[in-house]
Amino acid sequence: MNLLRRGMIIDVNLEPVKGSETGKTRPCIVISNDSYNARVPVIQVIPITEWSEKKARIVTNIVLQPSANNGLDKRSLADCLQTRPIDWKSRFVRIRGHLQSEELTAISVALKLVFAL
């Protein structure tokens, strides 16, 4: 059974990639719902990338400040355009922490833009 929950930040090995996909081992946000996460081996994640002023202006990139709760060590961005499925058993590295509810709400708004929901 998968104990990963929506809003958790986990380190994930995203290699191999193709084209412009985000790669490397990096923190990602579990975004699929908990019912789905508990039953299937594939979950949806949002890669977290390094903060830059240019990237921060993109409306679907959500700024994340480092905190004891989320386990991040520097200001970062949730890149909601790069949402992707992963087989968590083969790509999972470790749990870092979790988002605060207001951060998860901002990500939900960005995902509505990305997927025209």
N, C-alpha and C. Protein backbone atom coordinates (compact mmCIF):
# COMPACT_ATOMS: atom_id res chain seq x y z
N MET A 1 0.85 -1.19 0.00
CA MET A 1 0.00 0.00 0.00
C MET A 1 0.89 1.24 0.00
N ASN A 2 0.50 2.23 -0.80
CA ASN A 2 1.23 3.48 -0.93
C ASN A 2 0.80 4.44 0.17
N LEU A 3 1.75 4.93 0.95
CA LEU A 3 1.45 5.87 2.03
C LEU A 3 1.66 7.32 1.63
N LEU A 4 1.92 7.56 0.36
CA LEU A 4 2.12 8.93 -0.10
C LEU A 4 0.77 9.64 -0.18
N ARG A 5 0.77 10.90 0.22
CA ARG A 5 -0.46 11.69 0.29
C ARG A 5 -0.34 12.96 -0.56
N ARG A 6 -1.48 13.43 -1.03
CA ARG A 6 -1.53 14.67 -1.82
C ARG A 6 -0.93 15.81 -0.99
N GLY A 7 -0.05 16.57 -1.62
CA GLY A 7 0.60 17.69 -0.94
C GLY A 7 1.95 17.35 -0.34
N MET A 8 2.32 16.06 -0.32
CA MET A 8 3.66 15.69 0.16
C MET A 8 4.70 16.12 -0.85
N ILE A 9 5.88 16.46 -0.34
CA ILE A 9 7.03 16.72 -1.20
C ILE A 9 7.97 15.54 -1.04
N ILE A 10 8.26 14.90 -2.17
CA ILE A 10 9.11 13.71 -2.18
C ILE A 10 10.22 13.91 -3.20
N ASP A 11 11.37 13.31 -2.96
CA ASP A 11 12.42 13.29 -3.97
C ASP A 11 12.15 12.13 -4.91
N VAL A 12 12.27 12.42 -6.21
CA VAL A 12 11.93 11.46 -7.25
C VAL A 12 13.04 11.46 -8.30
N ASN A 13 13.41 10.28 -8.79
CA ASN A 13 14.35 10.17 -9.90
C ASN A 13 13.55 10.23 -11.19
N LEU A 14 13.65 11.35 -11.91
CA LEU A 14 12.85 11.55 -13.12
C LEU A 14 13.56 11.10 -14.39
N GLU A 15 14.72 10.50 -14.27
CA GLU A 15 15.44 10.01 -15.46
C GLU A 15 14.92 8.62 -15.83
N PRO A 16 14.88 8.26 -17.09
CA PRO A 16 15.27 9.06 -18.25
C PRO A 16 14.14 10.00 -18.67
N VAL A 17 14.52 11.03 -19.39
CA VAL A 17 13.55 11.99 -19.91
C VAL A 17 13.70 12.08 -21.42
N LYS A 18 12.75 12.73 -22.05
CA LYS A 18 12.83 13.00 -23.49
C LYS A 18 12.54 14.47 -23.72
N GLY A 19 13.21 15.05 -24.69
CA GLY A 19 12.95 16.43 -25.08
C GLY A 19 13.11 17.41 -23.93
N SER A 20 12.09 18.22 -23.72
CA SER A 20 12.13 19.30 -22.72
C SER A 20 11.56 18.90 -21.37
N GLU A 21 11.36 17.61 -21.12
CA GLU A 21 10.85 17.16 -19.83
C GLU A 21 11.86 17.48 -18.73
N THR A 22 11.35 17.75 -17.53
CA THR A 22 12.19 17.99 -16.37
C THR A 22 12.81 16.67 -15.93
N GLY A 23 14.11 16.68 -15.65
CA GLY A 23 14.81 15.46 -15.28
C GLY A 23 15.53 15.56 -13.95
N LYS A 24 16.49 14.69 -13.76
CA LYS A 24 17.32 14.58 -12.56
C LYS A 24 16.51 14.04 -11.37
N THR A 25 17.21 13.78 -10.29
CA THR A 25 16.53 13.48 -9.03
C THR A 25 16.25 14.81 -8.37
N ARG A 26 14.98 15.06 -8.08
CA ARG A 26 14.56 16.36 -7.58
C ARG A 26 13.31 16.22 -6.73
N PRO A 27 13.02 17.24 -5.92
CA PRO A 27 11.77 17.22 -5.17
C PRO A 27 10.58 17.39 -6.12
N CYS A 28 9.51 16.69 -5.80
CA CYS A 28 8.26 16.77 -6.54
C CYS A 28 7.10 16.78 -5.54
N ILE A 29 5.99 17.35 -5.97
CA ILE A 29 4.79 17.40 -5.14
C ILE A 29 3.83 16.32 -5.60
N VAL A 30 3.37 15.49 -4.67
CA VAL A 30 2.33 14.51 -5.00
C VAL A 30 1.03 15.29 -5.17
N ILE A 31 0.41 15.18 -6.34
CA ILE A 31 -0.79 15.97 -6.63
C ILE A 31 -2.02 15.11 -6.87
N SER A 32 -1.86 13.83 -7.15
CA SER A 32 -3.03 12.96 -7.33
C SER A 32 -3.73 12.77 -5.99
N ASN A 33 -5.02 12.42 -6.05
CA ASN A 33 -5.80 12.32 -4.81
C ASN A 33 -5.44 11.07 -4.01
N ASP A 34 -5.70 11.13 -2.71
CA ASP A 34 -5.27 10.08 -1.79
C ASP A 34 -5.92 8.73 -2.08
N SER A 35 -7.16 8.73 -2.52
CA SER A 35 -7.84 7.47 -2.86
C SER A 35 -7.12 6.78 -4.01
N TYR A 36 -6.78 7.54 -5.02
CA TYR A 36 -6.04 7.04 -6.17
C TYR A 36 -4.64 6.59 -5.74
N ASN A 37 -3.97 7.41 -4.95
CA ASN A 37 -2.60 7.09 -4.51
C ASN A 37 -2.53 5.77 -3.76
N ALA A 38 -3.56 5.45 -2.97
CA ALA A 38 -3.56 4.24 -2.16
C ALA A 38 -3.78 2.97 -2.98
N ARG A 39 -4.35 3.10 -4.18
CA ARG A 39 -4.75 1.92 -4.92
C ARG A 39 -3.90 1.57 -6.13
N VAL A 40 -3.21 2.53 -6.70
CA VAL A 40 -2.51 2.27 -7.96
C VAL A 40 -1.02 2.56 -7.85
N PRO A 41 -0.21 1.93 -8.68
CA PRO A 41 1.24 2.13 -8.59
C PRO A 41 1.74 3.41 -9.26
N VAL A 42 0.89 4.09 -10.00
CA VAL A 42 1.29 5.31 -10.70
C VAL A 42 0.59 6.50 -10.06
N ILE A 43 1.38 7.51 -9.69
CA ILE A 43 0.84 8.73 -9.10
C ILE A 43 1.21 9.92 -9.97
N GLN A 44 0.52 11.04 -9.77
CA GLN A 44 0.82 12.28 -10.49
C GLN A 44 1.66 13.18 -9.60
N VAL A 45 2.72 13.75 -10.17
CA VAL A 45 3.58 14.66 -9.41
C VAL A 45 3.84 15.93 -10.21
N ILE A 46 4.21 16.97 -9.47
CA ILE A 46 4.65 18.24 -10.06
C ILE A 46 6.11 18.44 -9.67
N PRO A 47 7.01 18.50 -10.65
CA PRO A 47 8.41 18.74 -10.32
C PRO A 47 8.62 20.13 -9.72
N ILE A 48 9.56 20.21 -8.80
CA ILE A 48 9.96 21.48 -8.21
C ILE A 48 11.30 21.87 -8.83
N THR A 49 11.39 23.11 -9.25
CA THR A 49 12.59 23.58 -9.93
C THR A 49 13.17 24.80 -9.22
N GLU A 50 14.38 25.14 -9.60
CA GLU A 50 15.08 26.28 -9.01
C GLU A 50 14.35 27.59 -9.32
N TRP A 51 14.27 28.46 -8.32
CA TRP A 51 13.62 29.76 -8.49
C TRP A 51 14.48 30.65 -9.37
N SER A 52 13.82 31.38 -10.26
CA SER A 52 14.46 32.48 -10.98
C SER A 52 13.40 33.54 -11.20
N GLU A 53 13.83 34.77 -11.33
CA GLU A 53 12.87 35.86 -11.53
C GLU A 53 12.05 35.64 -12.79
N LYS A 54 12.70 35.19 -13.85
CA LYS A 54 12.01 34.94 -15.12
C LYS A 54 10.95 33.85 -14.96
N LYS A 55 11.34 32.72 -14.37
CA LYS A 55 10.39 31.61 -14.18
C LYS A 55 9.27 31.98 -13.22
N ALA A 56 9.55 32.83 -12.24
CA ALA A 56 8.54 33.21 -11.25
C ALA A 56 7.42 34.05 -11.87
N ARG A 57 7.66 34.64 -13.03
CA ARG A 57 6.63 35.44 -13.70
C ARG A 57 5.61 34.58 -14.45
N ILE A 58 5.91 33.30 -14.63
CA ILE A 58 4.98 32.40 -15.31
C ILE A 58 3.85 32.06 -14.35
N VAL A 59 2.63 32.34 -14.76
CA VAL A 59 1.48 32.24 -13.86
C VAL A 59 1.25 30.82 -13.33
N THR A 60 1.69 29.81 -14.05
CA THR A 60 1.49 28.43 -13.59
C THR A 60 2.66 27.89 -12.78
N ASN A 61 3.66 28.72 -12.52
CA ASN A 61 4.74 28.37 -11.60
C ASN A 61 4.41 28.97 -10.24
N ILE A 62 4.39 28.15 -9.21
CA ILE A 62 4.02 28.60 -7.87
C ILE A 62 5.28 28.67 -7.01
N VAL A 63 5.52 29.84 -6.41
CA VAL A 63 6.69 30.05 -5.56
C VAL A 63 6.52 29.29 -4.25
N LEU A 64 7.56 28.56 -3.87
CA LEU A 64 7.59 27.83 -2.60
C LEU A 64 8.78 28.32 -1.78
N GLN A 65 8.51 28.80 -0.58
CA GLN A 65 9.57 29.24 0.32
C GLN A 65 10.04 28.05 1.15
N PRO A 66 11.34 27.95 1.43
CA PRO A 66 11.83 26.83 2.25
C PRO A 66 11.27 26.91 3.67
N SER A 67 10.98 25.74 4.24
CA SER A 67 10.48 25.69 5.62
C SER A 67 10.77 24.32 6.22
N ALA A 68 10.62 24.23 7.53
CA ALA A 68 10.78 22.94 8.20
C ALA A 68 9.69 21.97 7.76
N ASN A 69 8.51 22.49 7.42
CA ASN A 69 7.40 21.63 6.99
C ASN A 69 7.64 20.98 5.63
N ASN A 70 8.19 21.76 4.68
CA ASN A 70 8.30 21.21 3.33
C ASN A 70 9.66 20.58 3.02
N GLY A 71 10.65 20.80 3.85
CA GLY A 71 11.95 20.18 3.64
C GLY A 71 12.78 20.79 2.53
N LEU A 72 12.32 21.89 1.95
CA LEU A 72 13.11 22.56 0.91
C LEU A 72 14.16 23.44 1.57
N ASP A 73 15.32 23.59 0.92
CA ASP A 73 16.38 24.38 1.52
C ASP A 73 16.62 25.71 0.81
N LYS A 74 15.84 25.98 -0.23
CA LYS A 74 15.94 27.27 -0.92
C LYS A 74 14.62 27.59 -1.60
N ARG A 75 14.42 28.86 -1.91
CA ARG A 75 13.21 29.28 -2.63
C ARG A 75 13.15 28.53 -3.95
N SER A 76 11.99 28.00 -4.27
CA SER A 76 11.83 27.13 -5.43
C SER A 76 10.51 27.43 -6.12
N LEU A 77 10.26 26.71 -7.21
CA LEU A 77 9.01 26.86 -7.96
C LEU A 77 8.40 25.49 -8.23
N ALA A 78 7.10 25.38 -8.04
CA ALA A 78 6.35 24.21 -8.48
C ALA A 78 5.99 24.46 -9.94
N ASP A 79 6.53 23.65 -10.84
CA ASP A 79 6.35 23.84 -12.28
C ASP A 79 5.13 23.04 -12.75
N CYS A 80 3.96 23.67 -12.63
CA CYS A 80 2.71 22.96 -12.90
C CYS A 80 2.52 22.57 -14.36
N LEU A 81 3.29 23.16 -15.28
CA LEU A 81 3.24 22.73 -16.68
C LEU A 81 3.92 21.38 -16.90
N GLN A 82 4.74 20.96 -15.96
CA GLN A 82 5.50 19.71 -16.10
C GLN A 82 4.88 18.54 -15.32
N THR A 83 3.62 18.67 -14.93
CA THR A 83 2.94 17.60 -14.20
C THR A 83 3.09 16.30 -14.98
N ARG A 84 3.41 15.21 -14.25
CA ARG A 84 3.61 13.94 -14.95
C ARG A 84 3.32 12.76 -14.05
N PRO A 85 2.95 11.63 -14.67
CA PRO A 85 2.76 10.40 -13.90
C PRO A 85 4.10 9.73 -13.64
N ILE A 86 4.22 9.09 -12.49
CA ILE A 86 5.42 8.29 -12.20
C ILE A 86 5.00 6.99 -11.54
N ASP A 87 5.77 5.95 -11.77
CA ASP A 87 5.63 4.72 -11.01
C ASP A 87 6.40 4.95 -9.71
N TRP A 88 5.69 5.18 -8.63
CA TRP A 88 6.35 5.62 -7.40
C TRP A 88 7.30 4.57 -6.84
N LYS A 89 7.01 3.29 -7.05
CA LYS A 89 7.90 2.25 -6.49
C LYS A 89 9.28 2.27 -7.14
N SER A 90 9.35 2.61 -8.42
CA SER A 90 10.64 2.60 -9.10
C SER A 90 11.34 3.97 -9.10
N ARG A 91 10.61 5.05 -8.83
CA ARG A 91 11.21 6.39 -8.91
C ARG A 91 11.35 7.11 -7.57
N PHE A 92 10.64 6.66 -6.55
CA PHE A 92 10.65 7.29 -5.23
C PHE A 92 12.03 7.19 -4.59
N VAL A 93 12.51 8.30 -4.00
CA VAL A 93 13.78 8.33 -3.29
C VAL A 93 13.56 8.53 -1.79
N ARG A 94 12.84 9.61 -1.42
CA ARG A 94 12.58 9.88 0.00
C ARG A 94 11.49 10.92 0.16
N ILE A 95 10.92 10.98 1.36
CA ILE A 95 9.95 12.02 1.71
C ILE A 95 10.70 13.21 2.30
N ARG A 96 10.39 14.42 1.83
CA ARG A 96 10.99 15.64 2.38
C ARG A 96 10.06 16.30 3.40
N GLY A 97 8.77 16.40 3.06
CA GLY A 97 7.83 17.11 3.91
C GLY A 97 6.50 17.26 3.22
N HIS A 98 5.81 18.37 3.51
CA HIS A 98 4.50 18.59 2.90
C HIS A 98 4.23 20.09 2.75
N LEU A 99 3.32 20.40 1.84
CA LEU A 99 2.92 21.79 1.61
C LEU A 99 1.92 22.24 2.64
N GLN A 100 1.84 23.54 2.83
CA GLN A 100 0.78 24.15 3.62
C GLN A 100 -0.48 24.23 2.74
N SER A 101 -1.64 24.34 3.35
CA SER A 101 -2.90 24.33 2.59
C SER A 101 -2.98 25.47 1.59
N GLU A 102 -2.46 26.65 1.93
CA GLU A 102 -2.53 27.77 0.99
C GLU A 102 -1.64 27.54 -0.24
N GLU A 103 -0.53 26.85 -0.07
CA GLU A 103 0.32 26.51 -1.22
C GLU A 103 -0.38 25.50 -2.12
N LEU A 104 -1.02 24.52 -1.51
CA LEU A 104 -1.75 23.51 -2.28
C LEU A 104 -2.93 24.15 -3.02
N THR A 105 -3.57 25.12 -2.41
CA THR A 105 -4.66 25.84 -3.07
C THR A 105 -4.14 26.60 -4.29
N ALA A 106 -3.01 27.28 -4.16
CA ALA A 106 -2.41 28.01 -5.28
C ALA A 106 -2.05 27.05 -6.42
N ILE A 107 -1.55 25.88 -6.08
CA ILE A 107 -1.22 24.88 -7.09
C ILE A 107 -2.49 24.38 -7.78
N SER A 108 -3.55 24.17 -7.03
CA SER A 108 -4.82 23.74 -7.63
C SER A 108 -5.33 24.77 -8.63
N VAL A 109 -5.20 26.05 -8.32
CA VAL A 109 -5.60 27.11 -9.24
C VAL A 109 -4.75 27.05 -10.51
N ALA A 110 -3.44 26.88 -10.36
CA ALA A 110 -2.55 26.79 -11.52
C ALA A 110 -2.90 25.58 -12.38
N LEU A 111 -3.21 24.45 -11.76
CA LEU A 111 -3.58 23.26 -12.52
C LEU A 111 -4.88 23.46 -13.30
N LYS A 112 -5.80 24.23 -12.75
CA LYS A 112 -7.03 24.54 -13.47
C LYS A 112 -6.72 25.32 -14.74
N LEU A 113 -5.73 26.20 -14.68
CA LEU A 113 -5.30 26.94 -15.88
C LEU A 113 -4.63 26.00 -16.89
N VAL A 114 -3.73 25.17 -16.40
CA VAL A 114 -2.99 24.26 -17.28
C VAL A 114 -3.93 23.33 -18.03
N PHE A 115 -4.90 22.76 -17.31
CA PHE A 115 -5.79 21.76 -17.90
C PHE A 115 -7.15 22.31 -18.33
N ALA A 116 -7.32 23.63 -18.28
CA ALA A 116 -8.56 24.29 -18.69
C ALA A 116 -9.77 23.67 -18.00
N LEU A 117 -9.68 23.51 -16.68
CA LEU A 117 -10.77 22.91 -15.91
C LEU A 117 -11.73 23.96 -15.38
